[in-house]
Amino acid sequence: MVIGLLTVELHIPESNSLKAKRRVIKSLKDKLRNKFNASVAEIDHHDKWQLATLAICAVSNDKVYIDGALNKALNFIGELSGADITDYQIELL
């Protein structure tokens, strides 16, 4: 069994309140869950208007599949408007 974890730090330049940030993050989390069948959670910067850190986790018995899926999720996040990737890390456990 392989567990893949993608941690992504995001900057949300258009956000001017926590409510605006929550709207962007909720939409992104829902899209990631639906498209990649992965668990998604905001894990840091809960009270900062323009920063967020997301953790995306997926499980499979194929290491290559998990690595590819997490890289596709990273590219998907990068293509969406509303949030810029400032840092990321992929771990396979």
N, C-alpha and C. Protein backbone atom coordinates (compact mmCIF):
# COMPACT_ATOMS: atom_id res chain seq x y z
N MET A 1 0.85 -1.18 0.00
CA MET A 1 0.00 0.00 0.00
C MET A 1 0.89 1.23 0.00
N VAL A 2 0.54 2.19 -0.83
CA VAL A 2 1.29 3.44 -0.94
C VAL A 2 0.35 4.59 -0.57
N ILE A 3 0.84 5.47 0.29
CA ILE A 3 0.10 6.67 0.67
C ILE A 3 0.86 7.86 0.10
N GLY A 4 0.16 8.68 -0.65
CA GLY A 4 0.77 9.87 -1.23
C GLY A 4 0.21 11.11 -0.56
N LEU A 5 1.11 12.05 -0.25
CA LEU A 5 0.70 13.30 0.40
C LEU A 5 1.28 14.47 -0.37
N LEU A 6 0.42 15.34 -0.83
CA LEU A 6 0.82 16.58 -1.48
C LEU A 6 0.44 17.73 -0.56
N THR A 7 1.44 18.51 -0.17
CA THR A 7 1.22 19.69 0.66
C THR A 7 1.49 20.90 -0.21
N VAL A 8 0.50 21.79 -0.31
CA VAL A 8 0.58 22.94 -1.21
C VAL A 8 0.32 24.22 -0.41
N GLU A 9 1.26 25.16 -0.51
CA GLU A 9 1.04 26.48 0.09
C GLU A 9 0.53 27.41 -1.01
N LEU A 10 -0.53 28.13 -0.70
CA LEU A 10 -1.19 28.98 -1.68
C LEU A 10 -1.23 30.44 -1.23
N HIS A 11 -1.13 31.33 -2.20
CA HIS A 11 -1.36 32.75 -1.98
C HIS A 11 -2.59 33.12 -2.78
N ILE A 12 -3.54 33.78 -2.12
CA ILE A 12 -4.80 34.15 -2.76
C ILE A 12 -4.85 35.68 -2.84
N PRO A 13 -4.32 36.26 -3.92
CA PRO A 13 -4.16 37.72 -3.98
C PRO A 13 -5.47 38.51 -3.99
N GLU A 14 -6.54 37.93 -4.50
CA GLU A 14 -7.81 38.64 -4.60
C GLU A 14 -8.60 38.66 -3.29
N SER A 15 -8.18 37.87 -2.33
CA SER A 15 -8.92 37.76 -1.08
C SER A 15 -8.69 38.98 -0.20
N ASN A 16 -9.77 39.56 0.28
CA ASN A 16 -9.67 40.70 1.19
C ASN A 16 -10.39 40.44 2.50
N SER A 17 -10.80 39.17 2.71
CA SER A 17 -11.44 38.79 3.96
C SER A 17 -11.36 37.27 4.11
N LEU A 18 -11.62 36.80 5.31
CA LEU A 18 -11.63 35.35 5.52
C LEU A 18 -12.77 34.70 4.75
N LYS A 19 -13.87 35.41 4.60
CA LYS A 19 -15.01 34.88 3.86
C LYS A 19 -14.64 34.65 2.40
N ALA A 20 -13.94 35.60 1.80
CA ALA A 20 -13.51 35.46 0.41
C ALA A 20 -12.51 34.31 0.27
N LYS A 21 -11.61 34.19 1.23
CA LYS A 21 -10.64 33.09 1.21
C LYS A 21 -11.36 31.75 1.31
N ARG A 22 -12.32 31.63 2.22
CA ARG A 22 -13.05 30.38 2.40
C ARG A 22 -13.77 29.96 1.12
N ARG A 23 -14.31 30.94 0.40
CA ARG A 23 -15.01 30.66 -0.85
C ARG A 23 -14.06 30.02 -1.87
N VAL A 24 -12.88 30.60 -2.02
CA VAL A 24 -11.88 30.08 -2.97
C VAL A 24 -11.41 28.70 -2.54
N ILE A 25 -11.09 28.53 -1.26
CA ILE A 25 -10.56 27.27 -0.76
C ILE A 25 -11.62 26.16 -0.82
N LYS A 26 -12.86 26.48 -0.47
CA LYS A 26 -13.91 25.47 -0.52
C LYS A 26 -14.12 24.98 -1.94
N SER A 27 -14.14 25.90 -2.89
CA SER A 27 -14.31 25.53 -4.29
C SER A 27 -13.16 24.64 -4.76
N LEU A 28 -11.95 25.01 -4.42
CA LEU A 28 -10.78 24.23 -4.80
C LEU A 28 -10.79 22.85 -4.17
N LYS A 29 -11.13 22.77 -2.90
CA LYS A 29 -11.19 21.47 -2.22
C LYS A 29 -12.24 20.56 -2.85
N ASP A 30 -13.40 21.11 -3.16
CA ASP A 30 -14.47 20.31 -3.77
C ASP A 30 -14.05 19.79 -5.15
N LYS A 31 -13.42 20.64 -5.94
CA LYS A 31 -12.97 20.22 -7.27
C LYS A 31 -11.90 19.13 -7.18
N LEU A 32 -10.97 19.27 -6.24
CA LEU A 32 -9.92 18.26 -6.08
C LEU A 32 -10.51 16.93 -5.63
N ARG A 33 -11.45 16.97 -4.69
CA ARG A 33 -12.09 15.73 -4.22
C ARG A 33 -12.81 15.01 -5.36
N ASN A 34 -13.55 15.77 -6.15
CA ASN A 34 -14.33 15.17 -7.23
C ASN A 34 -13.46 14.66 -8.37
N LYS A 35 -12.45 15.42 -8.75
CA LYS A 35 -11.64 15.06 -9.92
C LYS A 35 -10.62 13.97 -9.62
N PHE A 36 -10.03 13.98 -8.41
CA PHE A 36 -8.93 13.06 -8.11
C PHE A 36 -9.26 12.02 -7.05
N ASN A 37 -10.48 12.02 -6.55
CA ASN A 37 -10.90 11.06 -5.52
C ASN A 37 -9.88 11.00 -4.38
N ALA A 38 -9.53 12.15 -3.87
CA ALA A 38 -8.52 12.27 -2.81
C ALA A 38 -9.11 13.02 -1.62
N SER A 39 -8.49 12.82 -0.48
CA SER A 39 -8.88 13.57 0.71
C SER A 39 -8.15 14.91 0.69
N VAL A 40 -8.86 15.98 1.02
CA VAL A 40 -8.28 17.32 0.99
C VAL A 40 -8.66 18.05 2.27
N ALA A 41 -7.67 18.73 2.87
CA ALA A 41 -7.93 19.50 4.08
C ALA A 41 -7.04 20.74 4.11
N GLU A 42 -7.58 21.83 4.66
CA GLU A 42 -6.76 23.01 4.91
C GLU A 42 -6.05 22.76 6.25
N ILE A 43 -4.71 22.83 6.23
CA ILE A 43 -3.96 22.44 7.43
C ILE A 43 -3.20 23.58 8.11
N ASP A 44 -3.15 24.76 7.48
CA ASP A 44 -2.40 25.86 8.11
C ASP A 44 -2.92 27.20 7.59
N HIS A 45 -2.56 28.27 8.29
CA HIS A 45 -2.94 29.64 7.94
C HIS A 45 -4.45 29.84 7.95
N HIS A 46 -5.12 29.30 8.93
CA HIS A 46 -6.59 29.38 9.00
C HIS A 46 -7.10 30.80 9.17
N ASP A 47 -6.34 31.66 9.83
CA ASP A 47 -6.83 33.00 10.12
C ASP A 47 -6.11 34.09 9.33
N LYS A 48 -5.45 33.71 8.24
CA LYS A 48 -4.80 34.70 7.37
C LYS A 48 -5.58 34.81 6.08
N TRP A 49 -5.86 36.02 5.67
CA TRP A 49 -6.75 36.28 4.54
C TRP A 49 -6.24 35.76 3.21
N GLN A 50 -4.94 35.88 2.96
CA GLN A 50 -4.43 35.57 1.63
C GLN A 50 -3.54 34.33 1.57
N LEU A 51 -3.42 33.60 2.67
CA LEU A 51 -2.57 32.40 2.69
C LEU A 51 -3.38 31.17 3.07
N ALA A 52 -3.01 30.04 2.49
CA ALA A 52 -3.63 28.76 2.85
C ALA A 52 -2.64 27.65 2.56
N THR A 53 -2.71 26.60 3.34
CA THR A 53 -1.94 25.40 3.07
C THR A 53 -2.91 24.23 3.02
N LEU A 54 -2.87 23.51 1.89
CA LEU A 54 -3.74 22.36 1.70
C LEU A 54 -2.92 21.08 1.71
N ALA A 55 -3.51 20.03 2.25
CA ALA A 55 -2.93 18.70 2.19
C ALA A 55 -3.88 17.83 1.37
N ILE A 56 -3.33 17.18 0.35
CA ILE A 56 -4.10 16.28 -0.51
C ILE A 56 -3.50 14.90 -0.34
N CYS A 57 -4.33 13.94 0.03
CA CYS A 57 -3.85 12.59 0.33
C CYS A 57 -4.60 11.58 -0.53
N ALA A 58 -3.83 10.61 -1.07
CA ALA A 58 -4.42 9.55 -1.88
C ALA A 58 -3.73 8.23 -1.53
N VAL A 59 -4.46 7.13 -1.68
CA VAL A 59 -3.95 5.80 -1.33
C VAL A 59 -4.16 4.86 -2.52
N SER A 60 -3.15 4.04 -2.79
CA SER A 60 -3.24 3.05 -3.86
C SER A 60 -2.21 1.96 -3.60
N ASN A 61 -2.23 0.93 -4.41
CA ASN A 61 -1.20 -0.09 -4.31
C ASN A 61 -0.11 0.12 -5.35
N ASP A 62 -0.21 1.20 -6.15
CA ASP A 62 0.74 1.49 -7.22
C ASP A 62 1.42 2.83 -6.98
N LYS A 63 2.72 2.81 -6.73
CA LYS A 63 3.49 4.02 -6.44
C LYS A 63 3.49 4.99 -7.63
N VAL A 64 3.63 4.46 -8.83
CA VAL A 64 3.66 5.30 -10.04
C VAL A 64 2.32 6.01 -10.22
N TYR A 65 1.22 5.31 -9.96
CA TYR A 65 -0.11 5.90 -10.10
C TYR A 65 -0.28 7.07 -9.12
N ILE A 66 0.10 6.85 -7.87
CA ILE A 66 -0.06 7.90 -6.84
C ILE A 66 0.79 9.12 -7.19
N ASP A 67 2.04 8.89 -7.59
CA ASP A 67 2.92 10.00 -7.95
C ASP A 67 2.33 10.79 -9.11
N GLY A 68 1.83 10.10 -10.12
CA GLY A 68 1.21 10.76 -11.27
C GLY A 68 -0.05 11.53 -10.89
N ALA A 69 -0.87 10.92 -10.05
CA ALA A 69 -2.12 11.57 -9.63
C ALA A 69 -1.84 12.85 -8.84
N LEU A 70 -0.86 12.81 -7.94
CA LEU A 70 -0.54 14.00 -7.15
C LEU A 70 0.08 15.09 -8.01
N ASN A 71 0.89 14.71 -8.99
CA ASN A 71 1.44 15.71 -9.91
C ASN A 71 0.35 16.32 -10.78
N LYS A 72 -0.62 15.52 -11.19
CA LYS A 72 -1.76 16.05 -11.95
C LYS A 72 -2.59 17.00 -11.08
N ALA A 73 -2.76 16.66 -9.81
CA ALA A 73 -3.49 17.54 -8.89
C ALA A 73 -2.75 18.87 -8.72
N LEU A 74 -1.43 18.81 -8.62
CA LEU A 74 -0.63 20.03 -8.50
C LEU A 74 -0.79 20.89 -9.75
N ASN A 75 -0.72 20.29 -10.93
CA ASN A 75 -0.92 21.04 -12.17
C ASN A 75 -2.32 21.62 -12.25
N PHE A 76 -3.31 20.87 -11.78
CA PHE A 76 -4.70 21.33 -11.77
C PHE A 76 -4.83 22.57 -10.90
N ILE A 77 -4.22 22.55 -9.72
CA ILE A 77 -4.26 23.72 -8.83
C ILE A 77 -3.59 24.91 -9.50
N GLY A 78 -2.46 24.68 -10.16
CA GLY A 78 -1.74 25.76 -10.82
C GLY A 78 -2.50 26.40 -11.97
N GLU A 79 -3.34 25.61 -12.64
CA GLU A 79 -4.11 26.13 -13.77
C GLU A 79 -5.32 26.95 -13.34
N LEU A 80 -5.81 26.73 -12.14
CA LEU A 80 -6.99 27.45 -11.68
C LEU A 80 -6.63 28.88 -11.31
N SER A 81 -7.51 29.80 -11.62
CA SER A 81 -7.29 31.18 -11.22
C SER A 81 -7.81 31.36 -9.80
N GLY A 82 -7.27 32.33 -9.12
CA GLY A 82 -7.73 32.62 -7.77
C GLY A 82 -6.74 32.26 -6.70
N ALA A 83 -5.79 31.36 -7.00
CA ALA A 83 -4.79 30.95 -6.01
C ALA A 83 -3.47 30.65 -6.72
N ASP A 84 -2.39 31.19 -6.19
CA ASP A 84 -1.06 30.96 -6.75
C ASP A 84 -0.29 30.02 -5.82
N ILE A 85 0.40 29.05 -6.40
CA ILE A 85 1.21 28.12 -5.62
C ILE A 85 2.52 28.81 -5.25
N THR A 86 2.83 28.87 -3.96
CA THR A 86 4.09 29.44 -3.51
C THR A 86 5.10 28.36 -3.13
N ASP A 87 4.62 27.19 -2.74
CA ASP A 87 5.51 26.08 -2.38
C ASP A 87 4.69 24.80 -2.37
N TYR A 88 5.37 23.66 -2.58
CA TYR A 88 4.69 22.37 -2.52
C TYR A 88 5.69 21.29 -2.16
N GLN A 89 5.16 20.18 -1.70
CA GLN A 89 5.98 19.02 -1.36
C GLN A 89 5.15 17.76 -1.59
N ILE A 90 5.74 16.78 -2.26
CA ILE A 90 5.09 15.49 -2.48
C ILE A 90 5.87 14.43 -1.70
N GLU A 91 5.13 13.67 -0.91
CA GLU A 91 5.73 12.58 -0.14
C GLU A 91 4.99 11.28 -0.47
N LEU A 92 5.74 10.22 -0.67
CA LEU A 92 5.16 8.90 -0.86
C LEU A 92 5.57 8.04 0.31
N LEU A 93 4.61 7.52 1.04
CA LEU A 93 4.89 6.74 2.24
C LEU A 93 4.53 5.29 2.03
